[in-house]
């Protein structure tokens, strides 16, 4: 997960915040769930769409990614709920 919001695959700037761990499995509402400890990554629009098209596990395997656990610094940079 990049604080400068660059795609972890191609390096394009202005990347989207992408959840690795399913938000639906953790309460469903992105505005209300506690993000700390969940894994995420930054993806450009093209790679984010690919991730949804082929599925998270296939995408992670294809690009050899693991995601990064959201800590307070990342949560603050992206305006995520920490409580």
PDB file of N, CA and C in Angstrom:
ATOM      1  N   UNK A   1       0.860  -1.183   0.000  1.00  0.00           N
ATOM      2  CA  UNK A   1       0.000   0.000   0.000  1.00  0.00           C
ATOM      3  C   UNK A   1       0.880   1.210   0.000  1.00  0.00           C
ATOM      4  N   UNK A   2       0.711   2.014  -0.957  1.00  0.00           N
ATOM      5  CA  UNK A   2       1.569   3.177  -1.100  1.00  0.00           C
ATOM      6  C   UNK A   2       0.895   4.423  -0.552  1.00  0.00           C
ATOM      7  N   UNK A   3       1.602   5.159   0.304  1.00  0.00           N
ATOM      8  CA  UNK A   3       1.062   6.405   0.834  1.00  0.00           C
ATOM      9  C   UNK A   3       0.894   7.424  -0.290  1.00  0.00           C
ATOM     10  N   UNK A   4       1.789   7.401  -1.287  1.00  0.00           N
ATOM     11  CA  UNK A   4       1.667   8.352  -2.404  1.00  0.00           C
ATOM     12  C   UNK A   4       0.655   7.881  -3.442  1.00  0.00           C
ATOM     13  N   UNK A   5      -0.008   6.799  -3.176  1.00  0.00           N
ATOM     14  CA  UNK A   5      -1.126   6.294  -3.977  1.00  0.00           C
ATOM     15  C   UNK A   5      -0.733   5.963  -5.414  1.00  0.00           C
ATOM     16  N   UNK A   6       0.340   5.209  -5.563  1.00  0.00           N
ATOM     17  CA  UNK A   6       0.787   4.707  -6.862  1.00  0.00           C
ATOM     18  C   UNK A   6       0.427   3.231  -6.974  1.00  0.00           C
ATOM     19  N   UNK A   7       0.086   2.808  -8.182  1.00  0.00           N
ATOM     20  CA  UNK A   7      -0.269   1.412  -8.432  1.00  0.00           C
ATOM     21  C   UNK A   7       0.912   0.507  -8.101  1.00  0.00           C
ATOM     22  N   UNK A   8       0.652  -0.547  -7.333  1.00  0.00           N
ATOM     23  CA  UNK A   8       1.715  -1.476  -6.943  1.00  0.00           C
ATOM     24  C   UNK A   8       2.154  -2.366  -8.108  1.00  0.00           C
ATOM     25  N   UNK A   9       1.373  -2.406  -9.184  1.00  0.00           N
ATOM     26  CA  UNK A   9       1.722  -3.231 -10.339  1.00  0.00           C
ATOM     27  C   UNK A   9       2.521  -2.424 -11.369  1.00  0.00           C
ATOM     28  N   UNK A  10       2.004  -1.255 -11.759  1.00  0.00           N
ATOM     29  CA  UNK A  10       2.635  -0.501 -12.848  1.00  0.00           C
ATOM     30  C   UNK A  10       3.215   0.846 -12.448  1.00  0.00           C
ATOM     31  N   UNK A  11       2.905   1.328 -11.254  1.00  0.00           N
ATOM     32  CA  UNK A  11       3.464   2.587 -10.778  1.00  0.00           C
ATOM     33  C   UNK A  11       2.714   3.844 -11.157  1.00  0.00           C
ATOM     34  N   UNK A  12       1.568   3.714 -11.848  1.00  0.00           N
ATOM     35  CA  UNK A  12       0.793   4.903 -12.205  1.00  0.00           C
ATOM     36  C   UNK A  12       0.331   5.623 -10.937  1.00  0.00           C
ATOM     37  N   UNK A  13       0.304   6.960 -11.005  1.00  0.00           N
ATOM     38  CA  UNK A  13      -0.138   7.743  -9.851  1.00  0.00           C
ATOM     39  C   UNK A  13      -1.663   7.809  -9.793  1.00  0.00           C
ATOM     40  N   UNK A  14      -2.174   8.337  -8.704  1.00  0.00           N
ATOM     41  CA  UNK A  14      -3.612   8.489  -8.464  1.00  0.00           C
ATOM     42  C   UNK A  14      -4.328   7.143  -8.439  1.00  0.00           C
ATOM     43  N   UNK A  15      -3.691   6.154  -7.842  1.00  0.00           N
ATOM     44  CA  UNK A  15      -4.252   4.802  -7.791  1.00  0.00           C
ATOM     45  C   UNK A  15      -5.416   4.725  -6.813  1.00  0.00           C
ATOM     46  N   UNK A  16      -6.278   3.751  -7.033  1.00  0.00           N
ATOM     47  CA  UNK A  16      -7.414   3.474  -6.151  1.00  0.00           C
ATOM     48  C   UNK A  16      -6.951   2.687  -4.931  1.00  0.00           C
ATOM     49  N   UNK A  17      -7.683   2.839  -3.847  1.00  0.00           N
ATOM     50  CA  UNK A  17      -7.497   2.014  -2.662  1.00  0.00           C
ATOM     51  C   UNK A  17      -8.242   0.710  -2.930  1.00  0.00           C
ATOM     52  N   UNK A  18      -7.547  -0.406  -2.853  1.00  0.00           N
ATOM     53  CA  UNK A  18      -8.169  -1.705  -3.133  1.00  0.00           C
ATOM     54  C   UNK A  18      -8.020  -2.622  -1.928  1.00  0.00           C
ATOM     55  N   UNK A  19      -9.123  -3.192  -1.490  1.00  0.00           N
ATOM     56  CA  UNK A  19      -9.095  -4.143  -0.382  1.00  0.00           C
ATOM     57  C   UNK A  19      -8.615  -5.503  -0.880  1.00  0.00           C
ATOM     58  N   UNK A  20      -7.736  -6.118  -0.131  1.00  0.00           N
ATOM     59  CA  UNK A  20      -7.333  -7.497  -0.387  1.00  0.00           C
ATOM     60  C   UNK A  20      -8.254  -8.410   0.419  1.00  0.00           C
ATOM     61  N   UNK A  21      -8.402  -8.083   1.695  1.00  0.00           N
ATOM     62  CA  UNK A  21      -9.325  -8.827   2.558  1.00  0.00           C
ATOM     63  C   UNK A  21     -10.730  -8.300   2.286  1.00  0.00           C
ATOM     64  N   UNK A  22     -11.644  -9.199   2.063  1.00  0.00           N
ATOM     65  CA  UNK A  22     -13.018  -8.837   1.717  1.00  0.00           C
ATOM     66  C   UNK A  22     -13.670  -7.997   2.803  1.00  0.00           C
ATOM     67  N   UNK A  23     -14.176  -6.845   2.408  1.00  0.00           N
ATOM     68  CA  UNK A  23     -14.879  -5.979   3.350  1.00  0.00           C
ATOM     69  C   UNK A  23     -16.205  -6.615   3.741  1.00  0.00           C
ATOM     70  N   UNK A  24     -16.850  -7.285   2.797  1.00  0.00           N
ATOM     71  CA  UNK A  24     -18.126  -7.939   3.084  1.00  0.00           C
ATOM     72  C   UNK A  24     -18.015  -8.972   4.183  1.00  0.00           C
ATOM     73  N   UNK A  25     -16.864  -9.626   4.262  1.00  0.00           N
ATOM     74  CA  UNK A  25     -16.646 -10.637   5.292  1.00  0.00           C
ATOM     75  C   UNK A  25     -16.341 -10.013   6.643  1.00  0.00           C
ATOM     76  N   UNK A  26     -16.147  -8.693   6.660  1.00  0.00           N
ATOM     77  CA  UNK A  26     -15.796  -8.003   7.898  1.00  0.00           C
ATOM     78  C   UNK A  26     -16.840  -6.972   8.299  1.00  0.00           C
ATOM     79  N   UNK A  27     -18.095  -7.198   7.960  1.00  0.00           N
ATOM     80  CA  UNK A  27     -19.166  -6.312   8.373  1.00  0.00           C
ATOM     81  C   UNK A  27     -19.855  -5.596   7.231  1.00  0.00           C
ATOM     82  N   UNK A  28     -19.239  -5.537   6.058  1.00  0.00           N
ATOM     83  CA  UNK A  28     -19.898  -5.032   4.871  1.00  0.00           C
ATOM     84  C   UNK A  28     -19.843  -3.547   4.601  1.00  0.00           C
ATOM     85  N   UNK A  29     -20.033  -2.696   5.580  1.00  0.00           N
ATOM     86  CA  UNK A  29     -20.086  -1.259   5.347  1.00  0.00           C
ATOM     87  C   UNK A  29     -18.690  -0.659   5.466  1.00  0.00           C
ATOM     88  N   UNK A  30     -18.123  -0.204   4.345  1.00  0.00           N
ATOM     89  CA  UNK A  30     -16.755   0.330   4.330  1.00  0.00           C
ATOM     90  C   UNK A  30     -16.587   1.543   5.223  1.00  0.00           C
ATOM     91  N   UNK A  31     -17.665   2.290   5.443  1.00  0.00           N
ATOM     92  CA  UNK A  31     -17.592   3.484   6.283  1.00  0.00           C
ATOM     93  C   UNK A  31     -17.584   3.153   7.770  1.00  0.00           C
ATOM     94  N   UNK A  32     -18.089   1.976   8.130  1.00  0.00           N
ATOM     95  CA  UNK A  32     -18.238   1.633   9.541  1.00  0.00           C
ATOM     96  C   UNK A  32     -17.247   0.587  10.050  1.00  0.00           C
ATOM     97  N   UNK A  33     -16.685  -0.224   9.174  1.00  0.00           N
ATOM     98  CA  UNK A  33     -15.794  -1.282   9.655  1.00  0.00           C
ATOM     99  C   UNK A  33     -14.462  -0.709  10.108  1.00  0.00           C
ATOM    100  N   UNK A  34     -13.816  -1.419  10.994  1.00  0.00           N
ATOM    101  CA  UNK A  34     -12.473  -1.056  11.443  1.00  0.00           C
ATOM    102  C   UNK A  34     -11.493  -1.620  10.422  1.00  0.00           C
ATOM    103  N   UNK A  35     -10.729  -0.737   9.771  1.00  0.00           N
ATOM    104  CA  UNK A  35      -9.812  -1.143   8.716  1.00  0.00           C
ATOM    105  C   UNK A  35      -8.458  -1.621   9.230  1.00  0.00           C
ATOM    106  N   UNK A  36      -8.095  -1.255  10.451  1.00  0.00           N
ATOM    107  CA  UNK A  36      -6.780  -1.623  10.974  1.00  0.00           C
ATOM    108  C   UNK A  36      -6.593  -3.137  10.936  1.00  0.00           C
ATOM    109  N   UNK A  37      -5.474  -3.566  10.369  1.00  0.00           N
ATOM    110  CA  UNK A  37      -5.165  -4.988  10.290  1.00  0.00           C
ATOM    111  C   UNK A  37      -5.634  -5.672   9.021  1.00  0.00           C
ATOM    112  N   UNK A  38      -6.584  -5.057   8.291  1.00  0.00           N
ATOM    113  CA  UNK A  38      -7.008  -5.624   7.009  1.00  0.00           C
ATOM    114  C   UNK A  38      -5.915  -5.341   5.982  1.00  0.00           C
ATOM    115  N   UNK A  39      -5.815  -6.193   4.972  1.00  0.00           N
ATOM    116  CA  UNK A  39      -4.814  -5.989   3.927  1.00  0.00           C
ATOM    117  C   UNK A  39      -5.413  -5.193   2.767  1.00  0.00           C
ATOM    118  N   UNK A  40      -4.553  -4.371   2.162  1.00  0.00           N
ATOM    119  CA  UNK A  40      -4.979  -3.543   1.045  1.00  0.00           C
ATOM    120  C   UNK A  40      -3.803  -3.304   0.110  1.00  0.00           C
ATOM    121  N   UNK A  41      -4.072  -2.604  -0.982  1.00  0.00           N
ATOM    122  CA  UNK A  41      -3.022  -2.216  -1.929  1.00  0.00           C
ATOM    123  C   UNK A  41      -3.557  -1.068  -2.763  1.00  0.00           C
ATOM    124  N   UNK A  42      -2.655  -0.370  -3.431  1.00  0.00           N
ATOM    125  CA  UNK A  42      -3.036   0.702  -4.352  1.00  0.00           C
ATOM    126  C   UNK A  42      -2.988   0.140  -5.770  1.00  0.00           C
ATOM    127  N   UNK A  43      -4.069   0.365  -6.519  1.00  0.00           N
ATOM    128  CA  UNK A  43      -4.136  -0.116  -7.900  1.00  0.00           C
ATOM    129  C   UNK A  43      -4.661   0.980  -8.804  1.00  0.00           C
ATOM    130  N   UNK A  44      -4.044   1.130  -9.998  1.00  0.00           N
ATOM    131  CA  UNK A  44      -4.587   2.044 -11.003  1.00  0.00           C
ATOM    132  C   UNK A  44      -5.953   1.487 -11.430  1.00  0.00           C
ATOM    133  N   UNK A  45      -6.698   2.292 -12.124  1.00  0.00           N
ATOM    134  CA  UNK A  45      -8.050   1.882 -12.545  1.00  0.00           C
ATOM    135  C   UNK A  45      -8.002   0.593 -13.370  1.00  0.00           C
ATOM    136  N   UNK A  46      -7.033   0.476 -14.280  1.00  0.00           N
ATOM    137  CA  UNK A  46      -6.945  -0.721 -15.124  1.00  0.00           C
ATOM    138  C   UNK A  46      -6.692  -1.981 -14.293  1.00  0.00           C
ATOM    139  N   UNK A  47      -5.748  -1.913 -13.381  1.00  0.00           N
ATOM    140  CA  UNK A  47      -5.437  -3.097 -12.574  1.00  0.00           C
ATOM    141  C   UNK A  47      -6.525  -3.380 -11.546  1.00  0.00           C
ATOM    142  N   UNK A  48      -7.202  -2.340 -11.057  1.00  0.00           N
ATOM    143  CA  UNK A  48      -8.312  -2.558 -10.135  1.00  0.00           C
ATOM    144  C   UNK A  48      -9.447  -3.296 -10.843  1.00  0.00           C
ATOM    145  N   UNK A  49      -9.729  -2.901 -12.073  1.00  0.00           N
ATOM    146  CA  UNK A  49     -10.769  -3.585 -12.843  1.00  0.00           C
ATOM    147  C   UNK A  49     -10.363  -5.026 -13.138  1.00  0.00           C
ATOM    148  N   UNK A  50      -9.091  -5.238 -13.460  1.00  0.00           N
ATOM    149  CA  UNK A  50      -8.610  -6.601 -13.697  1.00  0.00           C
ATOM    150  C   UNK A  50      -8.762  -7.448 -12.442  1.00  0.00           C
ATOM    151  N   UNK A  51      -8.437  -6.866 -11.288  1.00  0.00           N
ATOM    152  CA  UNK A  51      -8.555  -7.585 -10.014  1.00  0.00           C
ATOM    153  C   UNK A  51      -9.990  -8.082  -9.808  1.00  0.00           C
ATOM    154  N   UNK A  52     -10.959  -7.223 -10.103  1.00  0.00           N
ATOM    155  CA  UNK A  52     -12.358  -7.631  -9.943  1.00  0.00           C
ATOM    156  C   UNK A  52     -12.773  -8.645 -11.012  1.00  0.00           C
ATOM    157  N   UNK A  53     -12.212  -8.522 -12.202  1.00  0.00           N
ATOM    158  CA  UNK A  53     -12.578  -9.418 -13.305  1.00  0.00           C
ATOM    159  C   UNK A  53     -12.083 -10.848 -13.076  1.00  0.00           C
ATOM    160  N   UNK A  54     -10.817 -10.994 -12.649  1.00  0.00           N
ATOM    161  CA  UNK A  54     -10.260 -12.351 -12.519  1.00  0.00           C
ATOM    162  C   UNK A  54     -10.324 -12.897 -11.096  1.00  0.00           C
ATOM    163  N   UNK A  55     -10.714 -12.068 -10.156  1.00  0.00           N
ATOM    164  CA  UNK A  55     -10.803 -12.511  -8.765  1.00  0.00           C
ATOM    165  C   UNK A  55      -9.527 -12.177  -8.006  1.00  0.00           C
ATOM    166  N   UNK A  56      -9.695 -11.905  -6.732  1.00  0.00           N
ATOM    167  CA  UNK A  56      -8.581 -11.429  -5.923  1.00  0.00           C
ATOM    168  C   UNK A  56      -7.440 -12.436  -5.844  1.00  0.00           C
ATOM    169  N   UNK A  57      -7.728 -13.702  -5.641  1.00  0.00           N
ATOM    170  CA  UNK A  57      -6.649 -14.678  -5.486  1.00  0.00           C
ATOM    171  C   UNK A  57      -5.868 -14.875  -6.780  1.00  0.00           C
ATOM    172  N   UNK A  58      -6.572 -14.949  -7.911  1.00  0.00           N
ATOM    173  CA  UNK A  58      -5.889 -15.065  -9.204  1.00  0.00           C
ATOM    174  C   UNK A  58      -5.026 -13.842  -9.475  1.00  0.00           C
ATOM    175  N   UNK A  59      -5.538 -12.663  -9.144  1.00  0.00           N
ATOM    176  CA  UNK A  59      -4.793 -11.421  -9.339  1.00  0.00           C
ATOM    177  C   UNK A  59      -3.538 -11.396  -8.462  1.00  0.00           C
ATOM    178  N   UNK A  60      -3.690 -11.765  -7.202  1.00  0.00           N
ATOM    179  CA  UNK A  60      -2.557 -11.772  -6.266  1.00  0.00           C
ATOM    180  C   UNK A  60      -1.483 -12.755  -6.738  1.00  0.00           C
ATOM    181  N   UNK A  61      -1.903 -13.920  -7.210  1.00  0.00           N
ATOM    182  CA  UNK A  61      -0.953 -14.915  -7.713  1.00  0.00           C
ATOM    183  C   UNK A  61      -0.265 -14.438  -8.992  1.00  0.00           C
ATOM    184  N   UNK A  62      -1.021 -13.848  -9.904  1.00  0.00           N
ATOM    185  CA  UNK A  62      -0.482 -13.392 -11.185  1.00  0.00           C
ATOM    186  C   UNK A  62       0.647 -12.385 -10.995  1.00  0.00           C
ATOM    187  N   UNK A  63       0.455 -11.453 -10.054  1.00  0.00           N
ATOM    188  CA  UNK A  63       1.438 -10.389  -9.847  1.00  0.00           C
ATOM    189  C   UNK A  63       2.318 -10.606  -8.606  1.00  0.00           C
ATOM    190  N   UNK A  64       2.188 -11.765  -7.982  1.00  0.00           N
ATOM    191  CA  UNK A  64       2.993 -12.120  -6.806  1.00  0.00           C
ATOM    192  C   UNK A  64       2.868 -11.076  -5.696  1.00  0.00           C
ATOM    193  N   UNK A  65       1.634 -10.755  -5.350  1.00  0.00           N
ATOM    194  CA  UNK A  65       1.341  -9.737  -4.342  1.00  0.00           C
ATOM    195  C   UNK A  65       0.824 -10.378  -3.061  1.00  0.00           C
ATOM    196  N   UNK A  66       0.990  -9.685  -1.960  1.00  0.00           N
ATOM    197  CA  UNK A  66       0.437 -10.119  -0.677  1.00  0.00           C
ATOM    198  C   UNK A  66      -0.474  -9.063  -0.067  1.00  0.00           C
ATOM    199  N   UNK A  67      -0.335  -7.823  -0.491  1.00  0.00           N
ATOM    200  CA  UNK A  67      -1.037  -6.723   0.148  1.00  0.00           C
ATOM    201  C   UNK A  67      -0.279  -6.316   1.394  1.00  0.00           C
ATOM    202  N   UNK A  68      -0.721  -5.261   2.027  1.00  0.00           N
ATOM    203  CA  UNK A  68      -0.081  -4.779   3.243  1.00  0.00           C
ATOM    204  C   UNK A  68      -1.161  -4.496   4.275  1.00  0.00           C
ATOM    205  N   UNK A  69      -0.870  -4.822   5.526  1.00  0.00           N
ATOM    206  CA  UNK A  69      -1.854  -4.583   6.584  1.00  0.00           C
ATOM    207  C   UNK A  69      -1.970  -3.084   6.845  1.00  0.00           C
ATOM    208  N   UNK A  70      -3.195  -2.641   6.964  1.00  0.00           N
ATOM    209  CA  UNK A  70      -3.464  -1.229   7.197  1.00  0.00           C
ATOM    210  C   UNK A  70      -3.100  -0.889   8.634  1.00  0.00           C
ATOM    211  N   UNK A  71      -2.214   0.101   8.781  1.00  0.00           N
ATOM    212  CA  UNK A  71      -1.863   0.602  10.106  1.00  0.00           C
ATOM    213  C   UNK A  71      -2.451   2.008  10.238  1.00  0.00           C
ATOM    214  N   UNK A  72      -2.180   2.674  11.343  1.00  0.00           N
ATOM    215  CA  UNK A  72      -2.759   4.002  11.568  1.00  0.00           C
ATOM    216  C   UNK A  72      -2.303   5.016  10.521  1.00  0.00           C
ATOM    217  N   UNK A  73      -1.044   4.967  10.108  1.00  0.00           N
ATOM    218  CA  UNK A  73      -0.524   5.908   9.110  1.00  0.00           C
ATOM    219  C   UNK A  73      -1.264   5.764   7.783  1.00  0.00           C
ATOM    220  N   UNK A  74      -1.460   4.541   7.338  1.00  0.00           N
ATOM    221  CA  UNK A  74      -2.181   4.281   6.085  1.00  0.00           C
ATOM    222  C   UNK A  74      -3.650   4.685   6.230  1.00  0.00           C
ATOM    223  N   UNK A  75      -4.261   4.341   7.356  1.00  0.00           N
ATOM    224  CA  UNK A  75      -5.659   4.678   7.586  1.00  0.00           C
ATOM    225  C   UNK A  75      -5.869   6.186   7.555  1.00  0.00           C
ATOM    226  N   UNK A  76      -4.984   6.936   8.174  1.00  0.00           N
ATOM    227  CA  UNK A  76      -5.096   8.399   8.162  1.00  0.00           C
ATOM    228  C   UNK A  76      -4.923   8.960   6.753  1.00  0.00           C
ATOM    229  N   UNK A  77      -3.955   8.443   5.999  1.00  0.00           N
ATOM    230  CA  UNK A  77      -3.685   8.927   4.641  1.00  0.00           C
ATOM    231  C   UNK A  77      -4.873   8.697   3.711  1.00  0.00           C
ATOM    232  N   UNK A  78      -5.655   7.658   3.983  1.00  0.00           N
ATOM    233  CA  UNK A  78      -6.786   7.305   3.109  1.00  0.00           C
ATOM    234  C   UNK A  78      -8.136   7.606   3.743  1.00  0.00           C
ATOM    235  N   UNK A  79      -8.135   8.198   4.927  1.00  0.00           N
ATOM    236  CA  UNK A  79      -9.398   8.557   5.587  1.00  0.00           C
ATOM    237  C   UNK A  79     -10.230   7.360   5.994  1.00  0.00           C
ATOM    238  N   UNK A  80      -9.574   6.298   6.470  1.00  0.00           N
ATOM    239  CA  UNK A  80     -10.273   5.075   6.833  1.00  0.00           C
ATOM    240  C   UNK A  80     -10.620   5.040   8.310  1.00  0.00           C
ATOM    241  N   UNK A  81     -11.691   4.357   8.621  1.00  0.00           N
ATOM    242  CA  UNK A  81     -12.139   4.192  10.003  1.00  0.00           C
ATOM    243  C   UNK A  81     -11.154   3.327  10.775  1.00  0.00           C
ATOM    244  N   UNK A  82     -10.786   3.785  11.974  1.00  0.00           N
ATOM    245  CA  UNK A  82      -9.847   3.025  12.806  1.00  0.00           C
ATOM    246  C   UNK A  82     -10.477   2.497  14.085  1.00  0.00           C
ATOM    247  N   UNK A  83     -11.739   2.774  14.320  1.00  0.00           N
ATOM    248  CA  UNK A  83     -12.362   2.312  15.569  1.00  0.00           C
ATOM    249  C   UNK A  83     -13.414   1.279  15.338  1.00  0.00           C
TER     250      UNK A  83
END
